[in-house]
């Protein structure tokens, strides 16, 4: 999965009207961090993971959305590990 794919997954959450507005706002903030070209990729990924961890802890998040968020976090963690592995070579 690449950045565009993850951005698409975040867009899916944002367009879901069953998700509370404050959650959608945080998801869009996470997407903005992910697409911020001013920072290095590991910093961007860690920022997004932090925001999404906060979102997933919110009791108002629908169960299906929480599962989507956990999936996105897992994809980001894999991406982050790949970047770390590529830098050590």
C-alpha atoms as a PDB file:
ATOM      1  CA  UNK A   1       0.000   0.000   0.000  1.00  0.00           C
ATOM      2  CA  UNK A   2       1.269   3.467  -0.825  1.00  0.00           C
ATOM      3  CA  UNK A   3       0.447   6.976   0.374  1.00  0.00           C
ATOM      4  CA  UNK A   4      -2.264   7.458  -2.253  1.00  0.00           C
ATOM      5  CA  UNK A   5      -3.957   4.227  -1.199  1.00  0.00           C
ATOM      6  CA  UNK A   6      -3.905   5.180   2.452  1.00  0.00           C
ATOM      7  CA  UNK A   7      -5.224   8.649   1.577  1.00  0.00           C
ATOM      8  CA  UNK A   8      -8.085   6.917  -0.232  1.00  0.00           C
ATOM      9  CA  UNK A   9      -8.877   4.850   2.856  1.00  0.00           C
ATOM     10  CA  UNK A  10      -8.921   8.020   4.956  1.00  0.00           C
ATOM     11  CA  UNK A  11     -11.249   9.610   2.382  1.00  0.00           C
ATOM     12  CA  UNK A  12     -13.630   6.655   2.755  1.00  0.00           C
ATOM     13  CA  UNK A  13     -13.897   7.349   6.474  1.00  0.00           C
ATOM     14  CA  UNK A  14     -14.412  11.048   5.819  1.00  0.00           C
ATOM     15  CA  UNK A  15     -17.291  10.442   3.409  1.00  0.00           C
ATOM     16  CA  UNK A  16     -19.068   8.067   5.799  1.00  0.00           C
ATOM     17  CA  UNK A  17     -21.859  10.156   7.347  1.00  0.00           C
ATOM     18  CA  UNK A  18     -22.302   7.672  10.193  1.00  0.00           C
ATOM     19  CA  UNK A  19     -18.927   8.847  11.535  1.00  0.00           C
ATOM     20  CA  UNK A  20     -19.200  11.825  13.924  1.00  0.00           C
ATOM     21  CA  UNK A  21     -17.957  15.139  12.566  1.00  0.00           C
ATOM     22  CA  UNK A  22     -15.166  15.505  15.144  1.00  0.00           C
ATOM     23  CA  UNK A  23     -13.784  12.121  14.084  1.00  0.00           C
ATOM     24  CA  UNK A  24     -13.944  13.062  10.400  1.00  0.00           C
ATOM     25  CA  UNK A  25     -12.095  16.291  11.214  1.00  0.00           C
ATOM     26  CA  UNK A  26      -9.285  14.375  12.908  1.00  0.00           C
ATOM     27  CA  UNK A  27      -9.120  11.927  10.005  1.00  0.00           C
ATOM     28  CA  UNK A  28      -8.714  14.829   7.570  1.00  0.00           C
ATOM     29  CA  UNK A  29      -6.023  16.289   9.832  1.00  0.00           C
ATOM     30  CA  UNK A  30      -4.234  12.942   9.667  1.00  0.00           C
ATOM     31  CA  UNK A  31      -4.510  12.971   5.873  1.00  0.00           C
ATOM     32  CA  UNK A  32      -3.049  16.482   5.752  1.00  0.00           C
ATOM     33  CA  UNK A  33      -0.063  15.313   7.833  1.00  0.00           C
ATOM     34  CA  UNK A  34       0.389  12.310   5.562  1.00  0.00           C
ATOM     35  CA  UNK A  35       0.479  14.482   2.443  1.00  0.00           C
ATOM     36  CA  UNK A  36       2.700  17.200   3.958  1.00  0.00           C
ATOM     37  CA  UNK A  37       5.745  17.231   1.683  1.00  0.00           C
ATOM     38  CA  UNK A  38       7.721  19.486   4.070  1.00  0.00           C
ATOM     39  CA  UNK A  39       8.473  16.671   6.507  1.00  0.00           C
ATOM     40  CA  UNK A  40      10.298  13.391   6.076  1.00  0.00           C
ATOM     41  CA  UNK A  41       8.144  10.311   5.559  1.00  0.00           C
ATOM     42  CA  UNK A  42       8.826   8.626   8.962  1.00  0.00           C
ATOM     43  CA  UNK A  43       7.801  11.814  10.778  1.00  0.00           C
ATOM     44  CA  UNK A  44       4.638  12.064   8.686  1.00  0.00           C
ATOM     45  CA  UNK A  45       3.767   8.432   9.307  1.00  0.00           C
ATOM     46  CA  UNK A  46       4.312   8.720  13.064  1.00  0.00           C
ATOM     47  CA  UNK A  47       2.153  11.863  13.194  1.00  0.00           C
ATOM     48  CA  UNK A  48      -0.675  10.083  11.399  1.00  0.00           C
ATOM     49  CA  UNK A  49      -0.386   7.006  13.620  1.00  0.00           C
ATOM     50  CA  UNK A  50      -0.571   9.221  16.705  1.00  0.00           C
ATOM     51  CA  UNK A  51      -3.709  11.001  15.467  1.00  0.00           C
ATOM     52  CA  UNK A  52      -5.390   7.756  14.445  1.00  0.00           C
ATOM     53  CA  UNK A  53      -4.575   6.149  17.806  1.00  0.00           C
ATOM     54  CA  UNK A  54      -6.350   9.057  19.468  1.00  0.00           C
ATOM     55  CA  UNK A  55      -9.318   8.646  17.118  1.00  0.00           C
ATOM     56  CA  UNK A  56      -9.595   4.903  17.700  1.00  0.00           C
ATOM     57  CA  UNK A  57      -9.796   5.475  21.459  1.00  0.00           C
ATOM     58  CA  UNK A  58     -12.848   7.723  21.101  1.00  0.00           C
ATOM     59  CA  UNK A  59     -15.943   5.865  22.341  1.00  0.00           C
ATOM     60  CA  UNK A  60     -18.101   7.563  19.685  1.00  0.00           C
ATOM     61  CA  UNK A  61     -16.278   5.904  16.785  1.00  0.00           C
ATOM     62  CA  UNK A  62     -18.454   3.286  15.068  1.00  0.00           C
ATOM     63  CA  UNK A  63     -17.060  -0.238  15.386  1.00  0.00           C
ATOM     64  CA  UNK A  64     -16.567  -0.646  11.638  1.00  0.00           C
ATOM     65  CA  UNK A  65     -14.704   2.679  11.450  1.00  0.00           C
ATOM     66  CA  UNK A  66     -12.484   1.672  14.363  1.00  0.00           C
ATOM     67  CA  UNK A  67     -11.588  -1.485  12.442  1.00  0.00           C
ATOM     68  CA  UNK A  68     -10.781   0.616   9.351  1.00  0.00           C
ATOM     69  CA  UNK A  69      -8.560   2.869  11.456  1.00  0.00           C
ATOM     70  CA  UNK A  70      -6.693  -0.080  12.950  1.00  0.00           C
ATOM     71  CA  UNK A  71      -6.150  -1.422   9.440  1.00  0.00           C
ATOM     72  CA  UNK A  72      -4.732   1.920   8.291  1.00  0.00           C
ATOM     73  CA  UNK A  73      -2.452   2.095  11.338  1.00  0.00           C
ATOM     74  CA  UNK A  74      -1.182  -1.412  10.564  1.00  0.00           C
ATOM     75  CA  UNK A  75      -0.455  -0.427   6.961  1.00  0.00           C
ATOM     76  CA  UNK A  76       1.400   2.672   8.146  1.00  0.00           C
ATOM     77  CA  UNK A  77       3.463   0.658  10.622  1.00  0.00           C
ATOM     78  CA  UNK A  78       4.469  -1.762   7.870  1.00  0.00           C
ATOM     79  CA  UNK A  79       5.388   1.173   5.638  1.00  0.00           C
ATOM     80  CA  UNK A  80       7.444   2.712   8.442  1.00  0.00           C
ATOM     81  CA  UNK A  81       9.313  -0.554   9.058  1.00  0.00           C
ATOM     82  CA  UNK A  82      10.057  -0.862   5.336  1.00  0.00           C
ATOM     83  CA  UNK A  83      11.490   2.659   5.287  1.00  0.00           C
ATOM     84  CA  UNK A  84      13.681   1.852   8.307  1.00  0.00           C
ATOM     85  CA  UNK A  85      14.898  -1.356   6.669  1.00  0.00           C
ATOM     86  CA  UNK A  86      15.690   0.456   3.418  1.00  0.00           C
ATOM     87  CA  UNK A  87      17.753   3.070   5.287  1.00  0.00           C
ATOM     88  CA  UNK A  88      19.906   0.469   7.021  1.00  0.00           C
ATOM     89  CA  UNK A  89      20.971  -1.117   3.749  1.00  0.00           C
END
